[in-house]
Amino acid sequence: MVKSAVSFLARGRHLPAWDIRYQVYCSGFRQYTRMLFPLTSDKDIDTMDFGKIHDTIQASQMPPTTVPREIGIFRELSICVADVNIDCDAIRGVGLAERPLLSLIESERKNSGSRTLAYDLITPWSACEQVGIGLDTTTKAALEPSPLTPNERVVLFLHGGSYVLGNPIAYREPVGHLAHYTLLRTFVIDYRLAPRHPFPAQLHDALIGFNFLLAQGFKPQNIVLAGDSAGGHLCLDLLLLLRHAGSDQHKFAGLMLISPLPSFTLHGDSLASNGDHDYLVNLPMTSPNMPLRLFYRPGAKYNSDYKQELKDQMLSPSNGSLAEFPPTIIQCGTAELLLDDIRKLYNKLKLDNPDTNIVFEEYPEMVHVFHRFLFRPESKQAYEALQTFVQSI
């Protein structure tokens, strides 16, 4: 951090809009990424202990945050996985995810309901006002996972972290702001992380979270699905899975994608051109220690078969139809690595949903998930745009 501050004073800003605080944070996060994911090669796979890698990553988790009291309140809850029904027949034929997903479901059933899935319920005061709950009281109803009104809208939020990091605790402050601006109670699922729990364990947990909301009385058309980074990718996967099921369950009220991971086959020029700006590091797929490979079949060699599998729609959503998607907003920064590939995702969504409101916003000189930098005016502008979007759907 000190070195980054000295560099700012000696060499100036990386980009014109950056102040010293923003630049130091970005430099620090970039160093953190390089430390956490050192480069390796397929020659090292046989000696790599992926359980130990998982524990090392978790020991360096994102710092905890909290929901500011002036914004709202939250409650830690959990779902008994055995109580949530999943239709296995609806999963058959869903491509690369089918076999491992069915295996995970069968494993849960054999374990006789021993697992719980934690989640946060964040209730902003603005949502309380909507249903007549006074700001000076914390009622039990406001923190219960059941509809406050017959048609209450809520957000199902899937956090980012490259599928190897992140949890609801780390996201309480930024998601608290999201809930505050959208006036919606927000459920944040603590899905399992790789490499100990590789693909599609995260999709399994997202599906459990969604089915749980339905069981509580929420309707798909009253749920806004949202996610940042890898959580945005998980939102796309959940939508594709529900659409495949052949019911109307994929017809959410809306979709909010914040700097989403758009694909596992990234080719955009911004991977290189923004490499000196974004705190994300463009780690090569040839390294088995890079997050995407820790997520999908950790320990597998990066050969022609593996490369072909990465093209499957459940890993690279734009490689298939994205039709029947709900109204969507995508936000990203022009200084982020994924910029060009996020643009491709937007163009594909727009092409496949010509009669649906698909909004795309680029924020000049902002990096990946800049919303977390709450001291930046662009963060507030982005949350206000999400508020406008939710009010329009």
Protein backbone atom coordinates (compact mmCIF):
# COMPACT_ATOMS: atom_id res chain seq x y z
CA MET A 1 0.00 0.00 0.00
CA VAL A 2 2.82 2.41 0.91
CA LYS A 3 4.64 1.60 -2.31
CA SER A 4 1.47 2.31 -4.31
CA ALA A 5 0.99 5.64 -2.56
CA VAL A 6 4.59 6.64 -3.25
CA SER A 7 4.14 5.63 -6.89
CA PHE A 8 1.04 7.83 -7.13
CA LEU A 9 2.91 10.83 -5.73
CA ALA A 10 5.99 10.23 -7.87
CA ARG A 11 4.46 9.13 -11.18
CA GLY A 12 0.92 10.44 -11.00
CA ARG A 13 -2.43 8.86 -11.74
CA HIS A 14 -2.86 5.67 -13.74
CA LEU A 15 -5.95 7.25 -15.28
CA PRO A 16 -7.15 10.90 -15.12
CA ALA A 17 -10.20 10.21 -12.91
CA TRP A 18 -8.29 8.23 -10.30
CA ASP A 19 -7.48 9.69 -6.90
CA ILE A 20 -4.79 8.34 -4.59
CA ARG A 21 -7.20 6.25 -2.52
CA TYR A 22 -8.70 4.50 -5.55
CA GLN A 23 -5.30 3.86 -7.12
CA VAL A 24 -3.81 2.48 -3.92
CA TYR A 25 -6.78 0.13 -3.43
CA CYS A 26 -6.54 -1.17 -7.01
CA SER A 27 -2.79 -1.73 -6.74
CA GLY A 28 -3.19 -3.49 -3.39
CA PHE A 29 -5.90 -5.82 -4.68
CA ARG A 30 -3.78 -6.64 -7.74
CA GLN A 31 -0.84 -7.64 -5.52
CA TYR A 32 -3.21 -9.70 -3.37
CA THR A 33 -4.42 -11.60 -6.45
CA ARG A 34 -0.90 -12.37 -7.63
CA MET A 35 0.04 -13.62 -4.17
CA LEU A 36 -3.04 -15.81 -3.85
CA PHE A 37 -2.78 -17.44 -7.29
CA PRO A 38 0.91 -17.99 -8.13
CA LEU A 39 1.59 -19.24 -11.63
CA THR A 40 1.93 -22.99 -12.06
CA SER A 41 1.87 -25.39 -15.00
CA ASP A 42 0.31 -28.74 -15.83
CA LYS A 43 3.63 -30.34 -14.94
CA ASP A 44 2.90 -29.40 -11.31
CA ILE A 45 -0.59 -30.95 -11.11
CA ASP A 46 0.49 -34.28 -9.62
CA THR A 47 2.14 -32.51 -6.69
CA MET A 48 -0.59 -29.95 -6.09
CA ASP A 49 -2.76 -30.39 -2.98
CA PHE A 50 -6.07 -28.80 -3.95
CA GLY A 51 -7.47 -29.22 -0.45
CA LYS A 52 -4.55 -27.21 0.90
CA ILE A 53 -4.98 -24.64 -1.88
CA HIS A 54 -8.64 -24.29 -0.87
CA ASP A 55 -7.71 -23.76 2.78
CA THR A 56 -5.05 -21.20 1.87
CA ILE A 57 -7.52 -19.20 -0.19
CA GLN A 58 -10.15 -19.31 2.56
CA ALA A 59 -7.59 -18.14 5.10
CA SER A 60 -7.17 -15.03 2.92
CA GLN A 61 -10.89 -14.34 2.52
CA MET A 62 -12.38 -10.96 1.70
CA PRO A 63 -12.64 -8.77 4.82
CA PRO A 64 -15.99 -8.79 6.65
CA THR A 65 -18.38 -5.86 6.28
CA THR A 66 -21.73 -5.00 7.77
CA VAL A 67 -24.97 -3.32 6.75
CA PRO A 68 -24.80 0.31 7.93
CA ARG A 69 -27.46 0.84 10.59
CA GLU A 70 -28.80 3.90 8.79
CA ILE A 71 -29.51 1.70 5.74
CA GLY A 72 -31.16 -1.30 7.33
CA ILE A 73 -30.83 -4.54 9.23
CA PHE A 74 -29.87 -8.12 8.44
CA ARG A 75 -30.21 -11.63 9.78
CA GLU A 76 -28.14 -14.78 9.31
CA LEU A 77 -30.33 -17.74 8.41
CA SER A 78 -29.98 -21.18 6.89
CA ILE A 79 -31.85 -23.58 4.65
CA CYS A 80 -32.21 -27.27 5.46
CA VAL A 81 -31.22 -28.67 2.08
CA ALA A 82 -33.26 -31.85 2.57
CA ASP A 83 -36.43 -29.77 2.81
CA VAL A 84 -35.96 -28.29 -0.68
CA ASN A 85 -37.35 -30.34 -3.53
CA ILE A 86 -35.46 -30.45 -6.84
CA ASP A 87 -36.94 -32.06 -9.93
CA CYS A 88 -34.15 -34.25 -11.31
CA ASP A 89 -36.02 -34.90 -14.55
CA ALA A 90 -35.89 -31.17 -15.32
CA ILE A 91 -32.08 -31.28 -15.17
CA ARG A 92 -31.59 -34.11 -17.64
CA GLY A 93 -30.11 -32.99 -20.93
CA VAL A 94 -28.65 -29.75 -19.58
CA GLY A 95 -25.25 -30.48 -21.08
CA LEU A 96 -22.02 -30.47 -19.13
CA ALA A 97 -23.76 -29.84 -15.81
CA GLU A 98 -26.22 -32.76 -15.98
CA ARG A 99 -24.17 -35.67 -14.64
CA PRO A 100 -22.31 -33.88 -11.81
CA LEU A 101 -25.45 -31.99 -10.78
CA LEU A 102 -27.53 -35.16 -10.53
CA SER A 103 -24.68 -36.76 -8.59
CA LEU A 104 -24.68 -33.89 -6.09
CA ILE A 105 -28.44 -34.15 -5.62
CA GLU A 106 -28.24 -37.90 -5.10
CA SER A 107 -25.41 -37.45 -2.61
CA GLU A 108 -27.52 -34.99 -0.61
CA ARG A 109 -30.35 -37.49 -0.43
CA LYS A 110 -28.05 -40.24 0.82
CA ASN A 111 -26.71 -37.96 3.56
CA SER A 112 -30.18 -37.83 5.14
CA GLY A 113 -30.46 -34.06 5.29
CA SER A 114 -27.27 -33.31 7.20
CA ARG A 115 -26.33 -30.14 5.26
CA THR A 116 -27.61 -26.62 5.67
CA LEU A 117 -27.10 -23.72 3.27
CA ALA A 118 -26.46 -20.40 5.00
CA TYR A 119 -27.75 -17.10 3.67
CA ASP A 120 -28.20 -13.50 4.75
CA LEU A 121 -31.50 -11.68 4.61
CA ILE A 122 -30.86 -7.94 4.28
CA THR A 123 -33.83 -5.69 4.96
CA PRO A 124 -33.37 -2.00 4.13
CA TRP A 125 -35.44 0.59 5.95
CA SER A 126 -36.64 1.73 2.52
CA ALA A 127 -38.32 -1.66 2.01
CA CYS A 128 -39.88 -1.44 5.48
CA GLU A 129 -41.42 1.90 4.57
CA GLN A 130 -42.94 0.31 1.48
CA VAL A 131 -45.03 -2.05 3.64
CA GLY A 132 -45.67 0.25 6.58
CA ILE A 133 -43.10 -1.06 9.06
CA GLY A 134 -41.87 1.79 11.26
CA LEU A 135 -38.20 2.79 11.18
CA ASP A 136 -37.99 2.85 14.96
CA THR A 137 -38.84 -0.82 15.34
CA THR A 138 -37.22 -4.07 14.28
CA THR A 139 -40.11 -6.39 13.78
CA LYS A 140 -39.82 -10.13 13.43
CA ALA A 141 -41.66 -10.05 10.10
CA ALA A 142 -39.06 -7.82 8.42
CA LEU A 143 -36.40 -10.46 8.98
CA GLU A 144 -38.49 -13.53 8.23
CA PRO A 145 -37.99 -15.24 4.83
CA SER A 146 -41.61 -15.04 3.77
CA PRO A 147 -43.45 -12.40 1.71
CA LEU A 148 -44.44 -9.24 3.59
CA THR A 149 -47.17 -8.68 0.99
CA PRO A 150 -48.75 -11.09 -1.54
CA ASN A 151 -46.65 -9.66 -4.39
CA GLU A 152 -43.54 -8.50 -2.56
CA ARG A 153 -40.51 -8.18 -4.81
CA VAL A 154 -37.15 -9.37 -3.50
CA VAL A 155 -33.60 -9.78 -4.80
CA LEU A 156 -31.79 -13.11 -4.95
CA PHE A 157 -28.11 -12.08 -4.92
CA LEU A 158 -25.23 -14.36 -5.91
CA HIS A 159 -21.87 -12.93 -4.84
CA GLY A 160 -18.64 -12.80 -6.78
CA GLY A 161 -15.11 -13.93 -5.96
CA SER A 162 -14.04 -16.03 -8.96
CA TYR A 163 -15.95 -18.99 -7.47
CA VAL A 164 -13.16 -19.44 -4.89
CA LEU A 165 -13.70 -16.41 -2.64
CA GLY A 166 -16.53 -14.43 -1.11
CA ASN A 167 -19.41 -14.92 1.30
CA PRO A 168 -22.43 -12.96 2.55
CA ILE A 169 -20.42 -11.39 5.37
CA ALA A 170 -17.99 -9.77 2.94
CA TYR A 171 -20.91 -8.48 0.89
CA ARG A 172 -23.12 -7.01 3.60
CA GLU A 173 -22.10 -3.42 2.99
CA PRO A 174 -22.29 -3.32 -0.84
CA VAL A 175 -25.43 -5.48 -0.96
CA GLY A 176 -26.90 -3.37 1.81
CA HIS A 177 -26.57 -0.38 -0.51
CA LEU A 178 -28.09 -2.38 -3.37
CA ALA A 179 -31.07 -3.28 -1.17
CA HIS A 180 -31.37 0.33 0.00
CA TYR A 181 -31.44 1.81 -3.50
CA THR A 182 -33.73 -0.82 -5.02
CA LEU A 183 -36.11 -0.72 -1.99
CA LEU A 184 -36.05 -4.52 -1.94
CA ARG A 185 -35.24 -7.10 0.69
CA THR A 186 -32.28 -9.14 -0.50
CA PHE A 187 -31.31 -12.78 0.01
CA VAL A 188 -27.56 -13.50 -0.28
CA ILE A 189 -26.71 -17.19 -0.70
CA ASP A 190 -23.52 -18.57 0.87
CA TYR A 191 -22.85 -21.07 -1.89
CA ARG A 192 -20.02 -23.60 -1.73
CA LEU A 193 -16.63 -22.60 -3.11
CA ALA A 194 -14.00 -24.25 -5.30
CA PRO A 195 -11.67 -26.03 -5.48
CA ARG A 196 -13.00 -28.26 -2.69
CA HIS A 197 -16.46 -27.91 -4.21
CA PRO A 198 -15.99 -27.60 -7.99
CA PHE A 199 -18.58 -26.97 -10.70
CA PRO A 200 -21.55 -27.35 -10.49
CA ALA A 201 -21.83 -27.21 -6.67
CA GLN A 202 -22.41 -23.45 -6.88
CA LEU A 203 -25.24 -23.89 -9.37
CA HIS A 204 -26.73 -26.58 -7.14
CA ASP A 205 -26.75 -24.16 -4.18
CA ALA A 206 -28.18 -21.33 -6.29
CA LEU A 207 -30.98 -23.66 -7.39
CA ILE A 208 -31.63 -24.64 -3.77
CA GLY A 209 -31.81 -20.96 -2.82
CA PHE A 210 -34.26 -20.21 -5.63
CA ASN A 211 -36.50 -23.21 -4.86
CA PHE A 212 -36.43 -22.24 -1.19
CA LEU A 213 -37.82 -18.79 -2.06
CA LEU A 214 -40.61 -20.43 -4.07
CA ALA A 215 -41.43 -22.69 -1.13
CA GLN A 216 -41.67 -19.62 1.10
CA GLY A 217 -44.33 -18.14 -1.16
CA PHE A 218 -42.32 -15.84 -3.45
CA LYS A 219 -43.19 -15.94 -7.14
CA PRO A 220 -40.54 -16.09 -9.91
CA GLN A 221 -41.99 -12.96 -11.51
CA ASN A 222 -41.40 -11.10 -8.24
CA ILE A 223 -37.76 -12.12 -7.87
CA VAL A 224 -34.97 -9.95 -9.25
CA LEU A 225 -31.87 -12.05 -9.86
CA ALA A 226 -28.57 -10.25 -9.29
CA GLY A 227 -24.88 -11.01 -9.10
CA ASP A 228 -21.43 -9.54 -9.55
CA SER A 229 -18.39 -11.07 -11.28
CA ALA A 230 -18.60 -14.87 -10.92
CA GLY A 231 -21.98 -14.34 -9.27
CA GLY A 232 -23.15 -12.78 -12.53
CA HIS A 233 -21.98 -15.89 -14.38
CA LEU A 234 -23.87 -18.00 -11.85
CA CYS A 235 -27.02 -15.94 -12.51
CA LEU A 236 -26.71 -16.76 -16.21
CA ASP A 237 -26.28 -20.46 -15.44
CA LEU A 238 -29.29 -20.51 -13.12
CA LEU A 239 -31.44 -18.86 -15.77
CA LEU A 240 -30.27 -21.32 -18.43
CA LEU A 241 -31.00 -24.25 -16.12
CA LEU A 242 -34.49 -23.01 -15.24
CA ARG A 243 -35.26 -22.26 -18.89
CA HIS A 244 -34.15 -25.78 -19.79
CA ALA A 245 -36.63 -27.15 -17.23
CA GLY A 246 -39.39 -26.00 -19.56
CA SER A 247 -41.53 -24.10 -17.07
CA ASP A 248 -42.02 -20.40 -16.44
CA GLN A 249 -39.71 -20.42 -13.45
CA HIS A 250 -37.00 -18.63 -15.41
CA LYS A 251 -39.27 -15.62 -15.95
CA PHE A 252 -37.78 -13.42 -13.25
CA ALA A 253 -38.84 -9.83 -12.72
CA GLY A 254 -35.40 -8.75 -13.86
CA LEU A 255 -31.70 -9.51 -13.99
CA MET A 256 -28.90 -7.26 -12.68
CA LEU A 257 -25.36 -8.16 -13.78
CA ILE A 258 -22.51 -6.21 -12.21
CA SER A 259 -19.19 -6.73 -14.03
CA PRO A 260 -20.27 -10.30 -14.82
CA LEU A 261 -17.81 -13.03 -15.75
CA PRO A 262 -19.26 -13.58 -19.23
CA SER A 263 -17.44 -16.68 -20.40
CA PHE A 264 -14.71 -19.23 -19.74
CA THR A 265 -13.36 -18.60 -23.24
CA LEU A 266 -12.20 -14.99 -23.00
CA HIS A 267 -10.68 -13.31 -26.04
CA GLY A 268 -11.28 -9.56 -25.69
CA ASP A 269 -8.52 -7.05 -26.37
CA SER A 270 -9.23 -5.46 -22.98
CA LEU A 271 -7.58 -8.47 -21.32
CA ALA A 272 -4.30 -6.87 -22.40
CA SER A 273 -5.15 -3.19 -22.77
CA ASN A 274 -6.60 -2.90 -19.24
CA GLY A 275 -4.03 -5.15 -17.62
CA ASP A 276 -2.23 -2.21 -15.98
CA HIS A 277 -5.44 -0.70 -14.63
CA ASP A 278 -7.79 -3.37 -13.31
CA TYR A 279 -7.06 -5.08 -10.00
CA LEU A 280 -7.96 -8.38 -11.66
CA VAL A 281 -4.89 -10.15 -13.01
CA ASN A 282 -5.01 -11.78 -16.42
CA LEU A 283 -3.83 -15.20 -15.26
CA PRO A 284 -3.28 -17.67 -18.13
CA MET A 285 -5.53 -20.71 -18.46
CA THR A 286 -2.37 -22.79 -18.73
CA SER A 287 -1.93 -22.32 -14.97
CA PRO A 288 -3.92 -24.97 -13.03
CA ASN A 289 -3.86 -22.62 -10.05
CA MET A 290 -5.89 -19.91 -11.76
CA PRO A 291 -9.46 -19.55 -10.38
CA LEU A 292 -11.39 -20.76 -13.43
CA ARG A 293 -9.42 -23.99 -13.50
CA LEU A 294 -9.81 -24.41 -9.76
CA PHE A 295 -13.56 -24.11 -10.38
CA TYR A 296 -13.94 -26.46 -13.33
CA ARG A 297 -12.40 -29.93 -12.85
CA PRO A 298 -9.44 -28.89 -10.67
CA GLY A 299 -6.43 -31.06 -11.43
CA ALA A 300 -7.48 -31.78 -15.03
CA LYS A 301 -4.91 -31.16 -17.76
CA TYR A 302 -5.45 -28.21 -20.08
CA ASN A 303 -5.68 -30.33 -23.22
CA SER A 304 -7.90 -30.25 -26.31
CA ASP A 305 -10.77 -32.06 -24.56
CA TYR A 306 -10.71 -29.61 -21.65
CA LYS A 307 -10.64 -26.62 -24.01
CA GLN A 308 -13.64 -28.02 -25.87
CA GLU A 309 -15.57 -28.47 -22.62
CA LEU A 310 -15.01 -24.80 -21.76
CA LYS A 311 -17.15 -23.93 -24.79
CA ASP A 312 -20.23 -25.59 -23.25
CA GLN A 313 -22.98 -23.05 -22.64
CA MET A 314 -23.01 -23.67 -18.89
CA LEU A 315 -19.44 -22.35 -18.80
CA SER A 316 -19.60 -19.93 -21.71
CA PRO A 317 -23.26 -18.79 -21.84
CA SER A 318 -23.00 -16.79 -25.07
CA ASN A 319 -22.15 -19.97 -26.97
CA GLY A 320 -25.83 -20.83 -27.10
CA SER A 321 -29.17 -19.10 -27.19
CA LEU A 322 -29.90 -16.49 -24.51
CA ALA A 323 -33.51 -16.09 -25.62
CA GLU A 324 -36.35 -15.71 -23.10
CA PHE A 325 -34.22 -13.73 -20.67
CA PRO A 326 -35.92 -11.16 -18.42
CA PRO A 327 -35.33 -7.39 -18.54
CA THR A 328 -31.62 -7.01 -17.82
CA ILE A 329 -29.13 -4.35 -16.80
CA ILE A 330 -25.39 -4.87 -17.19
CA GLN A 331 -22.90 -2.49 -15.60
CA CYS A 332 -19.13 -2.50 -15.98
CA GLY A 333 -16.12 -0.19 -16.03
CA THR A 334 -14.10 0.76 -19.08
CA ALA A 335 -10.86 -0.03 -17.20
CA GLU A 336 -11.68 -3.66 -16.45
CA LEU A 337 -10.14 -6.75 -18.01
CA LEU A 338 -13.50 -8.26 -18.96
CA LEU A 339 -14.82 -5.17 -20.77
CA ASP A 340 -14.75 -6.49 -24.35
CA ASP A 341 -16.19 -9.88 -23.41
CA ILE A 342 -18.94 -8.21 -21.35
CA ARG A 343 -19.78 -6.13 -24.42
CA LYS A 344 -20.10 -9.37 -26.41
CA LEU A 345 -22.46 -10.75 -23.76
CA TYR A 346 -24.61 -7.62 -24.00
CA ASN A 347 -24.75 -7.82 -27.79
CA LYS A 348 -25.78 -11.48 -27.60
CA LEU A 349 -28.52 -10.74 -25.05
CA LYS A 350 -29.76 -7.85 -27.18
CA LEU A 351 -29.77 -9.99 -30.33
CA ASP A 352 -31.61 -12.90 -28.72
CA ASN A 353 -34.16 -10.72 -26.89
CA PRO A 354 -35.13 -7.97 -29.36
CA ASP A 355 -38.38 -7.14 -27.58
CA THR A 356 -36.93 -7.08 -24.05
CA ASN A 357 -35.38 -4.13 -22.25
CA ILE A 358 -31.64 -4.90 -22.12
CA VAL A 359 -29.65 -2.02 -20.61
CA PHE A 360 -25.88 -1.69 -20.83
CA GLU A 361 -23.86 0.90 -18.90
CA GLU A 362 -20.13 1.55 -19.06
CA TYR A 363 -18.54 3.75 -16.40
CA PRO A 364 -15.41 5.57 -17.63
CA GLU A 365 -12.10 4.57 -16.04
CA MET A 366 -13.77 2.28 -13.49
CA VAL A 367 -12.46 -1.19 -12.69
CA HIS A 368 -14.09 -4.54 -12.00
CA VAL A 369 -17.07 -4.29 -9.59
CA PHE A 370 -16.27 -0.65 -8.82
CA HIS A 371 -19.52 -0.54 -6.84
CA ARG A 372 -17.53 -1.76 -3.82
CA PHE A 373 -15.59 1.52 -3.78
CA LEU A 374 -18.37 3.36 -2.02
CA PHE A 375 -16.28 6.53 -1.69
CA ARG A 376 -16.35 6.99 -5.47
CA PRO A 377 -19.19 9.02 -7.01
CA GLU A 378 -19.46 6.45 -9.80
CA SER A 379 -20.49 3.86 -7.22
CA LYS A 380 -23.45 5.96 -6.14
CA GLN A 381 -24.35 6.68 -9.77
CA ALA A 382 -24.37 2.95 -10.53
CA TYR A 383 -26.62 2.16 -7.56
CA GLU A 384 -28.98 4.94 -8.61
CA ALA A 385 -29.11 3.44 -12.11
CA LEU A 386 -29.99 0.05 -10.61
CA GLN A 387 -32.76 1.78 -8.68
CA THR A 388 -34.10 3.30 -11.91
CA PHE A 389 -33.94 -0.07 -13.64
CA VAL A 390 -35.86 -1.86 -10.87
CA GLN A 391 -38.52 0.85 -10.90
CA SER A 392 -38.92 0.35 -14.67
CA ILE A 393 -39.64 -3.38 -14.61
